[in-house]
Amino acid sequence: MDTRPELKVEITRPSRDHAVVVLEGELNIFTTSLLNAVFLRSIDEGASRVLVDLGKVTVIDSTGLGALVSCAKRLLGADGALDVVCPNESIRRLLEASGLDRILGVYPSCHETL
């Protein structure tokens, strides 16, 4: 029986240069390769602005944070941006403690990203 955590990913493209990535589950060493692949595909397909919804993420570890940093750096280098919707207070505190809130736009809800 495999007890590795799961990460569900849903991607929408509201426009050619925007991608919205909704995550559900655990963002950790076992699941970040999926997220990295989604980021790379979105960027390769022309997305310069990516919004990641962490509203249904239950756990995020250092590799998950690293995936967000990697995507943000790639987008910033192409005059793009990575924004994060994070209603979960403990995950938002983790983003703040790691300093990621200074390179990512961090919002408590999707409505505030508009």
N, C-alpha and C. Protein backbone atom coordinates (compact mmCIF):
# COMPACT_ATOMS: atom_id res chain seq x y z
N MET A 1 0.84 -1.18 0.00
CA MET A 1 0.00 0.00 0.00
C MET A 1 0.89 1.25 0.00
N ASP A 2 0.66 2.15 -0.95
CA ASP A 2 1.43 3.38 -1.07
C ASP A 2 0.75 4.46 -0.23
N THR A 3 1.49 5.01 0.73
CA THR A 3 0.93 6.04 1.60
C THR A 3 1.53 7.41 1.33
N ARG A 4 2.13 7.57 0.15
CA ARG A 4 2.68 8.87 -0.19
C ARG A 4 1.56 9.89 -0.34
N PRO A 5 1.85 11.12 0.06
CA PRO A 5 0.82 12.16 -0.05
C PRO A 5 0.50 12.46 -1.51
N GLU A 6 -0.67 12.99 -1.71
CA GLU A 6 -1.12 13.33 -3.05
C GLU A 6 -1.25 14.83 -3.20
N LEU A 7 -1.09 15.27 -4.43
CA LEU A 7 -1.32 16.66 -4.77
C LEU A 7 -2.16 16.68 -6.03
N LYS A 8 -3.33 17.28 -5.93
CA LYS A 8 -4.18 17.46 -7.10
C LYS A 8 -3.92 18.85 -7.66
N VAL A 9 -3.83 18.93 -8.98
CA VAL A 9 -3.52 20.19 -9.64
C VAL A 9 -4.57 20.44 -10.71
N GLU A 10 -5.12 21.63 -10.69
CA GLU A 10 -6.07 22.06 -11.73
C GLU A 10 -5.52 23.36 -12.32
N ILE A 11 -5.41 23.39 -13.63
CA ILE A 11 -4.87 24.57 -14.31
C ILE A 11 -5.93 25.16 -15.23
N THR A 12 -6.08 26.47 -15.15
CA THR A 12 -6.91 27.18 -16.12
C THR A 12 -6.07 28.29 -16.73
N ARG A 13 -6.43 28.66 -17.92
CA ARG A 13 -5.72 29.72 -18.64
C ARG A 13 -6.73 30.78 -19.04
N PRO A 14 -6.98 31.76 -18.16
CA PRO A 14 -7.96 32.81 -18.49
C PRO A 14 -7.52 33.67 -19.68
N SER A 15 -6.22 33.71 -19.94
CA SER A 15 -5.70 34.40 -21.13
C SER A 15 -4.38 33.76 -21.49
N ARG A 16 -3.84 34.13 -22.63
CA ARG A 16 -2.59 33.51 -23.10
C ARG A 16 -1.44 33.73 -22.13
N ASP A 17 -1.39 34.89 -21.51
CA ASP A 17 -0.25 35.18 -20.62
C ASP A 17 -0.55 34.95 -19.14
N HIS A 18 -1.71 34.42 -18.80
CA HIS A 18 -2.07 34.13 -17.41
C HIS A 18 -2.38 32.65 -17.22
N ALA A 19 -1.92 32.12 -16.10
CA ALA A 19 -2.27 30.75 -15.71
C ALA A 19 -2.71 30.78 -14.25
N VAL A 20 -3.74 30.04 -13.95
CA VAL A 20 -4.21 29.88 -12.57
C VAL A 20 -4.03 28.41 -12.22
N VAL A 21 -3.28 28.17 -11.15
CA VAL A 21 -2.97 26.81 -10.71
C VAL A 21 -3.60 26.62 -9.33
N VAL A 22 -4.57 25.72 -9.25
CA VAL A 22 -5.25 25.42 -7.98
C VAL A 22 -4.70 24.09 -7.47
N LEU A 23 -4.19 24.12 -6.24
CA LEU A 23 -3.59 22.93 -5.63
C LEU A 23 -4.45 22.42 -4.50
N GLU A 24 -4.44 21.09 -4.35
CA GLU A 24 -5.17 20.47 -3.24
C GLU A 24 -4.34 19.30 -2.72
N GLY A 25 -4.04 19.32 -1.43
CA GLY A 25 -3.28 18.24 -0.82
C GLY A 25 -2.01 18.74 -0.20
N GLU A 26 -0.96 17.91 -0.30
CA GLU A 26 0.32 18.22 0.33
C GLU A 26 1.34 18.63 -0.72
N LEU A 27 2.01 19.73 -0.45
CA LEU A 27 3.07 20.22 -1.33
C LEU A 27 4.39 19.95 -0.62
N ASN A 28 5.03 18.83 -0.99
CA ASN A 28 6.24 18.41 -0.29
C ASN A 28 7.18 17.68 -1.24
N ILE A 29 8.19 17.06 -0.70
CA ILE A 29 9.23 16.41 -1.50
C ILE A 29 8.65 15.38 -2.47
N PHE A 30 7.54 14.76 -2.13
CA PHE A 30 6.95 13.75 -2.99
C PHE A 30 6.11 14.34 -4.12
N THR A 31 5.67 15.57 -3.97
CA THR A 31 4.71 16.13 -4.93
C THR A 31 5.22 17.34 -5.71
N THR A 32 6.37 17.89 -5.33
CA THR A 32 6.82 19.12 -6.01
C THR A 32 7.23 18.89 -7.46
N SER A 33 7.62 17.68 -7.82
CA SER A 33 7.99 17.45 -9.22
C SER A 33 6.78 17.68 -10.13
N LEU A 34 5.60 17.31 -9.67
CA LEU A 34 4.38 17.58 -10.44
C LEU A 34 4.16 19.08 -10.58
N LEU A 35 4.31 19.81 -9.49
CA LEU A 35 4.11 21.25 -9.53
C LEU A 35 5.15 21.92 -10.44
N ASN A 36 6.40 21.51 -10.34
CA ASN A 36 7.44 22.07 -11.21
C ASN A 36 7.11 21.84 -12.68
N ALA A 37 6.62 20.66 -13.01
CA ALA A 37 6.24 20.36 -14.40
C ALA A 37 5.10 21.27 -14.86
N VAL A 38 4.14 21.51 -13.99
CA VAL A 38 3.02 22.40 -14.32
C VAL A 38 3.53 23.82 -14.55
N PHE A 39 4.40 24.29 -13.68
CA PHE A 39 4.97 25.63 -13.84
C PHE A 39 5.72 25.75 -15.17
N LEU A 40 6.58 24.79 -15.45
CA LEU A 40 7.37 24.85 -16.68
C LEU A 40 6.47 24.82 -17.92
N ARG A 41 5.47 23.95 -17.90
CA ARG A 41 4.56 23.87 -19.05
C ARG A 41 3.80 25.19 -19.23
N SER A 42 3.33 25.77 -18.15
CA SER A 42 2.58 27.03 -18.23
C SER A 42 3.46 28.15 -18.79
N ILE A 43 4.69 28.22 -18.31
CA ILE A 43 5.61 29.26 -18.78
C ILE A 43 5.97 29.01 -20.25
N ASP A 44 6.25 27.75 -20.59
CA ASP A 44 6.58 27.42 -21.98
C ASP A 44 5.43 27.73 -22.93
N GLU A 45 4.20 27.67 -22.42
CA GLU A 45 3.03 27.97 -23.24
C GLU A 45 2.69 29.46 -23.26
N GLY A 46 3.53 30.29 -22.66
CA GLY A 46 3.37 31.73 -22.75
C GLY A 46 2.88 32.46 -21.53
N ALA A 47 2.65 31.76 -20.42
CA ALA A 47 2.19 32.45 -19.21
C ALA A 47 3.32 33.27 -18.61
N SER A 48 3.07 34.55 -18.41
CA SER A 48 4.04 35.40 -17.72
C SER A 48 3.55 35.78 -16.33
N ARG A 49 2.30 35.55 -16.07
CA ARG A 49 1.72 35.77 -14.74
C ARG A 49 1.04 34.47 -14.32
N VAL A 50 1.45 33.98 -13.16
CA VAL A 50 0.89 32.73 -12.64
C VAL A 50 0.32 33.01 -11.26
N LEU A 51 -0.90 32.57 -11.05
CA LEU A 51 -1.57 32.66 -9.76
C LEU A 51 -1.71 31.25 -9.21
N VAL A 52 -1.17 31.01 -8.02
CA VAL A 52 -1.25 29.71 -7.37
C VAL A 52 -2.20 29.82 -6.19
N ASP A 53 -3.24 29.01 -6.22
CA ASP A 53 -4.22 28.99 -5.13
C ASP A 53 -3.84 27.87 -4.16
N LEU A 54 -3.39 28.26 -2.97
CA LEU A 54 -3.00 27.31 -1.93
C LEU A 54 -4.12 27.06 -0.93
N GLY A 55 -5.33 27.45 -1.26
CA GLY A 55 -6.46 27.36 -0.33
C GLY A 55 -6.76 25.96 0.16
N LYS A 56 -6.44 24.93 -0.64
CA LYS A 56 -6.71 23.56 -0.24
C LYS A 56 -5.43 22.77 0.04
N VAL A 57 -4.33 23.48 0.19
CA VAL A 57 -3.06 22.83 0.55
C VAL A 57 -3.03 22.67 2.06
N THR A 58 -2.76 21.45 2.50
CA THR A 58 -2.75 21.17 3.94
C THR A 58 -1.36 21.24 4.54
N VAL A 59 -0.33 20.95 3.74
CA VAL A 59 1.04 20.93 4.21
C VAL A 59 1.94 21.48 3.11
N ILE A 60 2.92 22.28 3.50
CA ILE A 60 3.95 22.73 2.56
C ILE A 60 5.29 22.65 3.27
N ASP A 61 6.27 22.01 2.63
CA ASP A 61 7.59 21.90 3.23
C ASP A 61 8.60 22.73 2.44
N SER A 62 9.87 22.59 2.77
CA SER A 62 10.90 23.42 2.13
C SER A 62 11.00 23.16 0.63
N THR A 63 10.74 21.94 0.19
CA THR A 63 10.78 21.69 -1.26
C THR A 63 9.61 22.35 -1.96
N GLY A 64 8.48 22.43 -1.29
CA GLY A 64 7.34 23.15 -1.84
C GLY A 64 7.63 24.64 -1.94
N LEU A 65 8.25 25.18 -0.90
CA LEU A 65 8.66 26.59 -0.94
C LEU A 65 9.67 26.81 -2.06
N GLY A 66 10.59 25.85 -2.22
CA GLY A 66 11.59 25.95 -3.28
C GLY A 66 10.97 25.96 -4.67
N ALA A 67 9.91 25.19 -4.87
CA ALA A 67 9.22 25.19 -6.17
C ALA A 67 8.61 26.55 -6.45
N LEU A 68 8.04 27.18 -5.42
CA LEU A 68 7.47 28.52 -5.60
C LEU A 68 8.56 29.54 -5.93
N VAL A 69 9.70 29.44 -5.24
CA VAL A 69 10.82 30.35 -5.48
C VAL A 69 11.34 30.17 -6.91
N SER A 70 11.52 28.94 -7.32
CA SER A 70 12.03 28.65 -8.66
C SER A 70 11.13 29.24 -9.74
N CYS A 71 9.84 29.05 -9.59
CA CYS A 71 8.90 29.61 -10.56
C CYS A 71 8.93 31.13 -10.53
N ALA A 72 8.95 31.70 -9.34
CA ALA A 72 8.97 33.17 -9.21
C ALA A 72 10.21 33.75 -9.89
N LYS A 73 11.36 33.13 -9.68
CA LYS A 73 12.60 33.62 -10.30
C LYS A 73 12.52 33.56 -11.82
N ARG A 74 12.00 32.47 -12.32
CA ARG A 74 11.88 32.31 -13.77
C ARG A 74 10.94 33.37 -14.35
N LEU A 75 9.83 33.61 -13.67
CA LEU A 75 8.86 34.60 -14.15
C LEU A 75 9.42 36.02 -14.02
N LEU A 76 10.07 36.32 -12.90
CA LEU A 76 10.64 37.66 -12.71
C LEU A 76 11.70 37.97 -13.76
N GLY A 77 12.46 36.96 -14.15
CA GLY A 77 13.46 37.13 -15.19
C GLY A 77 12.87 37.44 -16.55
N ALA A 78 11.59 37.14 -16.72
CA ALA A 78 10.90 37.39 -17.98
C ALA A 78 9.84 38.50 -17.81
N ASP A 79 10.07 39.38 -16.83
CA ASP A 79 9.13 40.47 -16.52
C ASP A 79 7.73 39.97 -16.19
N GLY A 80 7.65 38.82 -15.56
CA GLY A 80 6.38 38.26 -15.14
C GLY A 80 6.26 38.30 -13.63
N ALA A 81 5.30 37.55 -13.10
CA ALA A 81 5.08 37.54 -11.65
C ALA A 81 4.36 36.28 -11.23
N LEU A 82 4.64 35.87 -10.01
CA LEU A 82 3.94 34.77 -9.38
C LEU A 82 3.19 35.33 -8.17
N ASP A 83 1.89 35.11 -8.14
CA ASP A 83 1.07 35.51 -7.01
C ASP A 83 0.50 34.26 -6.36
N VAL A 84 0.25 34.34 -5.06
CA VAL A 84 -0.24 33.21 -4.30
C VAL A 84 -1.48 33.62 -3.52
N VAL A 85 -2.52 32.81 -3.60
CA VAL A 85 -3.70 32.98 -2.75
C VAL A 85 -3.53 32.00 -1.60
N CYS A 86 -3.53 32.54 -0.39
CA CYS A 86 -3.26 31.70 0.77
C CYS A 86 -4.16 32.11 1.95
N PRO A 87 -5.34 31.51 2.03
CA PRO A 87 -6.22 31.83 3.16
C PRO A 87 -5.81 31.14 4.46
N ASN A 88 -4.98 30.12 4.38
CA ASN A 88 -4.54 29.37 5.55
C ASN A 88 -3.50 30.18 6.33
N GLU A 89 -3.85 30.57 7.53
CA GLU A 89 -3.00 31.43 8.36
C GLU A 89 -1.63 30.82 8.63
N SER A 90 -1.56 29.53 8.93
CA SER A 90 -0.27 28.93 9.25
C SER A 90 0.65 28.86 8.03
N ILE A 91 0.09 28.59 6.87
CA ILE A 91 0.91 28.57 5.65
C ILE A 91 1.32 29.99 5.28
N ARG A 92 0.44 30.95 5.49
CA ARG A 92 0.79 32.36 5.21
C ARG A 92 1.93 32.81 6.13
N ARG A 93 1.90 32.39 7.40
CA ARG A 93 2.99 32.73 8.32
C ARG A 93 4.31 32.09 7.86
N LEU A 94 4.23 30.89 7.32
CA LEU A 94 5.42 30.22 6.80
C LEU A 94 6.00 31.01 5.61
N LEU A 95 5.13 31.49 4.73
CA LEU A 95 5.58 32.32 3.60
C LEU A 95 6.24 33.60 4.11
N GLU A 96 5.67 34.18 5.15
CA GLU A 96 6.24 35.41 5.72
C GLU A 96 7.56 35.13 6.42
N ALA A 97 7.62 34.05 7.21
CA ALA A 97 8.85 33.72 7.94
C ALA A 97 10.01 33.39 6.99
N SER A 98 9.68 32.81 5.84
CA SER A 98 10.72 32.46 4.87
C SER A 98 11.10 33.65 3.98
N GLY A 99 10.35 34.74 4.09
CA GLY A 99 10.63 35.92 3.28
C GLY A 99 10.01 35.88 1.89
N LEU A 100 9.27 34.83 1.60
CA LEU A 100 8.67 34.71 0.26
C LEU A 100 7.60 35.76 -0.01
N ASP A 101 7.02 36.28 1.05
CA ASP A 101 6.01 37.32 0.85
C ASP A 101 6.61 38.60 0.26
N ARG A 102 7.96 38.70 0.25
CA ARG A 102 8.61 39.86 -0.34
C ARG A 102 8.86 39.70 -1.84
N ILE A 103 8.84 38.45 -2.34
CA ILE A 103 9.04 38.26 -3.78
C ILE A 103 7.78 37.76 -4.48
N LEU A 104 6.81 37.31 -3.70
CA LEU A 104 5.54 36.85 -4.24
C LEU A 104 4.44 37.81 -3.79
N GLY A 105 3.43 37.96 -4.60
CA GLY A 105 2.23 38.62 -4.11
C GLY A 105 1.45 37.58 -3.32
N VAL A 106 1.18 37.83 -2.06
CA VAL A 106 0.45 36.88 -1.21
C VAL A 106 -0.88 37.52 -0.82
N TYR A 107 -1.97 36.84 -1.16
CA TYR A 107 -3.31 37.38 -0.94
C TYR A 107 -4.15 36.37 -0.16
N PRO A 108 -5.04 36.85 0.72
CA PRO A 108 -5.88 35.93 1.50
C PRO A 108 -7.03 35.32 0.69
N SER A 109 -7.39 35.93 -0.46
CA SER A 109 -8.47 35.38 -1.29
C SER A 109 -8.25 35.74 -2.75
N CYS A 110 -8.92 35.02 -3.62
CA CYS A 110 -8.82 35.29 -5.07
C CYS A 110 -9.35 36.68 -5.41
N HIS A 111 -10.36 37.13 -4.69
CA HIS A 111 -10.98 38.42 -4.97
C HIS A 111 -9.99 39.57 -4.81
N GLU A 112 -9.03 39.39 -3.91
CA GLU A 112 -8.07 40.47 -3.66
C GLU A 112 -6.93 40.51 -4.67
N THR A 113 -6.86 39.51 -5.55
CA THR A 113 -5.81 39.52 -6.57
C THR A 113 -6.25 40.31 -7.80
N LEU A 114 -7.52 40.63 -7.89
CA LEU A 114 -8.04 41.33 -9.08
C LEU A 114 -7.67 42.78 -9.08
